[in-house]
Amino acid sequence: MKNKALNLPNALALFRIALAPLMLWILIDRNNPIFDSWHPSWFDYFAGLIFVIASVTDFFDGFIARAWDQMTKLGGILDPLADKMLVLAGFLGLIVIDRASAMAVFLILSREFFITGLRVVAVSEGKNVASTMAGKIKTVVQMIAIGFLIMQWPYGTELLWFAVILTLYSGYEYIRDYFKN
């Protein structure tokens, strides 16, 4: 890993971190006088646009970090933090505007907190609990579900519950791998 902390991949992760509260604000603060001239559909379009931009930066920060050999310890912290903040902002906003099941979101966020804690314990014990393919797929499906729910597209709820299943399964994989090491 390189030592240069502020590089393009880390800047993209920081940008994603900044977009998460902006998206949440647009999703939930629909009665703010700032938005008086907005048509109701604009909230979904702008929140969806912010979400897509943030999701695309998730791909590019990892791709650039690997391709340009710019992986850093800071990036190893910022990237998953940015992912969690974006998913948290999306799901909380969707609960507030009554488009997502609170139980589904509870299951997803509970797994995220538990596995984050498990990874901290693993690192403190010198164990490496690397991301699994199921973990990467669950992140993509969670993001697709959030996008569908923001835009009120068909099958958003079904995608959300599919994301719950993948999220719980990938959590099982992390636990299994932790105890194998």
Protein backbone atom coordinates (compact mmCIF):
# COMPACT_ATOMS: atom_id res chain seq x y z
CA MET A 1 0.00 0.00 0.00
CA LYS A 2 1.17 3.48 -0.80
CA ASN A 3 1.41 6.12 1.92
CA LYS A 4 0.00 9.07 -0.01
CA ALA A 5 -3.38 9.40 1.70
CA LEU A 6 -5.04 12.13 -0.37
CA ASN A 7 -5.28 10.69 -3.85
CA LEU A 8 -8.08 10.52 -6.41
CA PRO A 9 -9.69 7.32 -5.05
CA ASN A 10 -9.80 8.74 -1.51
CA ALA A 11 -11.14 12.06 -2.82
CA LEU A 12 -13.93 10.14 -4.58
CA ALA A 13 -14.75 8.32 -1.33
CA LEU A 14 -14.86 11.66 0.53
CA PHE A 15 -17.13 13.03 -2.20
CA ARG A 16 -19.43 10.02 -1.71
CA ILE A 17 -19.47 10.66 2.04
CA ALA A 18 -20.55 14.27 1.35
CA LEU A 19 -23.30 13.15 -1.05
CA ALA A 20 -24.94 10.79 1.48
CA PRO A 21 -26.39 13.49 3.81
CA LEU A 22 -27.34 15.64 0.81
CA MET A 23 -29.37 12.77 -0.64
CA LEU A 24 -30.98 12.10 2.75
CA TRP A 25 -31.89 15.77 3.11
CA ILE A 26 -33.56 15.88 -0.31
CA LEU A 27 -35.45 12.66 0.43
CA ILE A 28 -36.85 13.70 3.80
CA ASP A 29 -37.08 17.51 3.89
CA ARG A 30 -39.75 17.94 1.24
CA ASN A 31 -41.56 20.72 3.12
CA ASN A 32 -38.52 22.97 3.41
CA PRO A 33 -39.28 26.46 2.02
CA ILE A 34 -36.12 26.20 -0.10
CA PHE A 35 -37.98 23.63 -2.19
CA ASP A 36 -41.29 25.52 -2.55
CA SER A 37 -40.91 25.84 -6.32
CA TRP A 38 -40.08 22.15 -6.82
CA HIS A 39 -42.56 19.76 -8.37
CA PRO A 40 -42.98 16.74 -6.03
CA SER A 41 -41.35 14.40 -8.57
CA TRP A 42 -38.17 16.47 -8.53
CA PHE A 43 -37.29 15.21 -5.06
CA ASP A 44 -37.11 11.66 -6.39
CA TYR A 45 -35.19 12.68 -9.52
CA PHE A 46 -32.59 14.71 -7.61
CA ALA A 47 -32.21 12.13 -4.83
CA GLY A 48 -31.94 9.42 -7.50
CA LEU A 49 -29.35 11.42 -9.45
CA ILE A 50 -27.25 12.00 -6.32
CA PHE A 51 -27.52 8.31 -5.49
CA VAL A 52 -26.41 7.24 -8.99
CA ILE A 53 -23.46 9.66 -8.95
CA ALA A 54 -22.40 8.38 -5.52
CA SER A 55 -22.81 4.75 -6.57
CA VAL A 56 -20.73 5.27 -9.72
CA THR A 57 -17.93 6.86 -7.68
CA ASP A 58 -17.93 3.68 -5.57
CA PHE A 59 -16.93 1.69 -8.64
CA PHE A 60 -14.37 4.21 -9.84
CA ASP A 61 -12.57 4.79 -6.55
CA GLY A 62 -11.85 1.06 -6.23
CA PHE A 63 -10.97 0.65 -9.90
CA ILE A 64 -8.60 3.63 -9.92
CA ALA A 65 -6.99 2.62 -6.62
CA ARG A 66 -6.15 -0.83 -8.00
CA ALA A 67 -5.25 0.25 -11.56
CA TRP A 68 -3.02 3.14 -10.45
CA ASP A 69 -1.64 1.34 -7.39
CA GLN A 70 -3.11 3.98 -5.08
CA MET A 71 -4.53 1.76 -2.36
CA THR A 72 -4.00 3.31 1.08
CA LYS A 73 -4.92 2.53 4.67
CA LEU A 74 -7.10 5.65 4.66
CA GLY A 75 -8.88 4.38 1.55
CA GLY A 76 -9.45 1.05 3.28
CA ILE A 77 -11.38 3.00 5.94
CA LEU A 78 -13.06 5.65 3.76
CA ASP A 79 -14.42 3.33 1.06
CA PRO A 80 -16.47 1.04 3.32
CA LEU A 81 -17.49 4.04 5.46
CA ALA A 82 -18.77 5.85 2.37
CA ASP A 83 -20.67 2.72 1.28
CA LYS A 84 -22.29 2.38 4.71
CA MET A 85 -23.19 6.07 4.88
CA LEU A 86 -24.76 6.02 1.43
CA VAL A 87 -26.78 2.88 2.18
CA LEU A 88 -27.78 4.22 5.61
CA ALA A 89 -28.89 7.56 4.15
CA GLY A 90 -30.87 5.82 1.41
CA PHE A 91 -32.62 3.38 3.71
CA LEU A 92 -33.38 5.95 6.43
CA GLY A 93 -34.77 8.36 3.87
CA LEU A 94 -36.90 5.62 2.33
CA ILE A 95 -38.32 4.67 5.74
CA VAL A 96 -39.16 8.32 6.49
CA ILE A 97 -41.04 8.71 3.18
CA ASP A 98 -42.67 5.28 3.71
CA ARG A 99 -41.14 3.43 0.77
CA ALA A 100 -39.07 0.81 2.59
CA SER A 101 -39.92 -1.81 5.17
CA ALA A 102 -38.48 -0.87 8.54
CA MET A 103 -37.96 -4.58 9.30
CA ALA A 104 -35.96 -5.12 6.10
CA VAL A 105 -33.82 -2.08 6.85
CA PHE A 106 -33.37 -3.20 10.47
CA LEU A 107 -32.11 -6.61 9.33
CA ILE A 108 -29.70 -5.07 6.81
CA LEU A 109 -28.32 -2.45 9.20
CA SER A 110 -28.04 -4.93 12.08
CA ARG A 111 -25.92 -7.19 9.89
CA GLU A 112 -23.79 -4.24 8.77
CA PHE A 113 -23.07 -3.12 12.35
CA PHE A 114 -22.39 -6.67 13.52
CA ILE A 115 -20.01 -7.50 10.68
CA THR A 116 -18.21 -4.17 11.04
CA GLY A 117 -17.65 -5.00 14.70
CA LEU A 118 -16.53 -8.52 13.82
CA ARG A 119 -14.01 -7.15 11.33
CA VAL A 120 -12.59 -4.80 13.99
CA VAL A 121 -12.19 -7.76 16.36
CA ALA A 122 -10.62 -9.83 13.57
CA VAL A 123 -8.08 -7.11 12.81
CA SER A 124 -7.23 -6.75 16.51
CA GLU A 125 -6.56 -10.51 16.58
CA GLY A 126 -4.42 -10.34 13.45
CA LYS A 127 -7.00 -12.18 11.35
CA ASN A 128 -7.87 -11.17 7.81
CA VAL A 129 -11.58 -11.40 7.07
CA ALA A 130 -11.60 -10.29 3.45
CA SER A 131 -14.66 -9.23 1.50
CA THR A 132 -16.44 -12.11 -0.19
CA MET A 133 -18.10 -12.13 -3.58
CA ALA A 134 -21.46 -12.44 -1.78
CA GLY A 135 -20.60 -9.28 0.16
CA LYS A 136 -19.83 -7.38 -3.03
CA ILE A 137 -23.03 -8.64 -4.70
CA LYS A 138 -25.16 -7.72 -1.67
CA THR A 139 -23.81 -4.15 -1.84
CA VAL A 140 -24.75 -3.89 -5.52
CA VAL A 141 -28.23 -5.35 -4.91
CA GLN A 142 -28.77 -3.03 -1.92
CA MET A 143 -27.86 -0.05 -4.10
CA ILE A 144 -30.11 -1.20 -6.94
CA ALA A 145 -32.98 -1.69 -4.47
CA ILE A 146 -32.45 1.80 -3.03
CA GLY A 147 -32.48 3.29 -6.53
CA PHE A 148 -35.67 1.44 -7.47
CA LEU A 149 -37.37 2.51 -4.23
CA ILE A 150 -36.32 6.15 -4.61
CA MET A 151 -37.70 6.22 -8.15
CA GLN A 152 -40.78 4.16 -7.19
CA TRP A 153 -40.06 1.67 -9.96
CA PRO A 154 -41.77 -1.74 -10.00
CA TYR A 155 -40.17 -4.54 -7.96
CA GLY A 156 -38.34 -2.19 -5.59
CA THR A 157 -39.80 -3.95 -2.55
CA GLU A 158 -38.92 -7.37 -3.95
CA LEU A 159 -35.36 -6.19 -4.62
CA LEU A 160 -35.17 -4.91 -1.05
CA TRP A 161 -36.11 -8.32 0.37
CA PHE A 162 -33.69 -10.03 -2.02
CA ALA A 163 -31.02 -7.66 -0.66
CA VAL A 164 -31.99 -8.74 2.87
CA ILE A 165 -31.44 -12.40 1.95
CA LEU A 166 -28.06 -11.66 0.33
CA THR A 167 -27.07 -9.43 3.24
CA LEU A 168 -27.80 -12.13 5.81
CA TYR A 169 -26.07 -14.79 3.71
CA SER A 170 -22.93 -12.68 3.25
CA GLY A 171 -22.97 -12.02 7.00
CA TYR A 172 -22.98 -15.76 7.54
CA GLU A 173 -19.93 -16.05 5.25
CA TYR A 174 -18.03 -13.45 7.29
CA ILE A 175 -18.83 -15.26 10.53
CA ARG A 176 -17.84 -18.62 9.02
CA ASP A 177 -14.55 -17.19 7.71
CA TYR A 178 -13.80 -15.53 11.05
CA PHE A 179 -14.05 -18.84 12.88
CA LYS A 180 -12.04 -20.68 10.20
CA ASN A 181 -9.03 -18.38 10.67
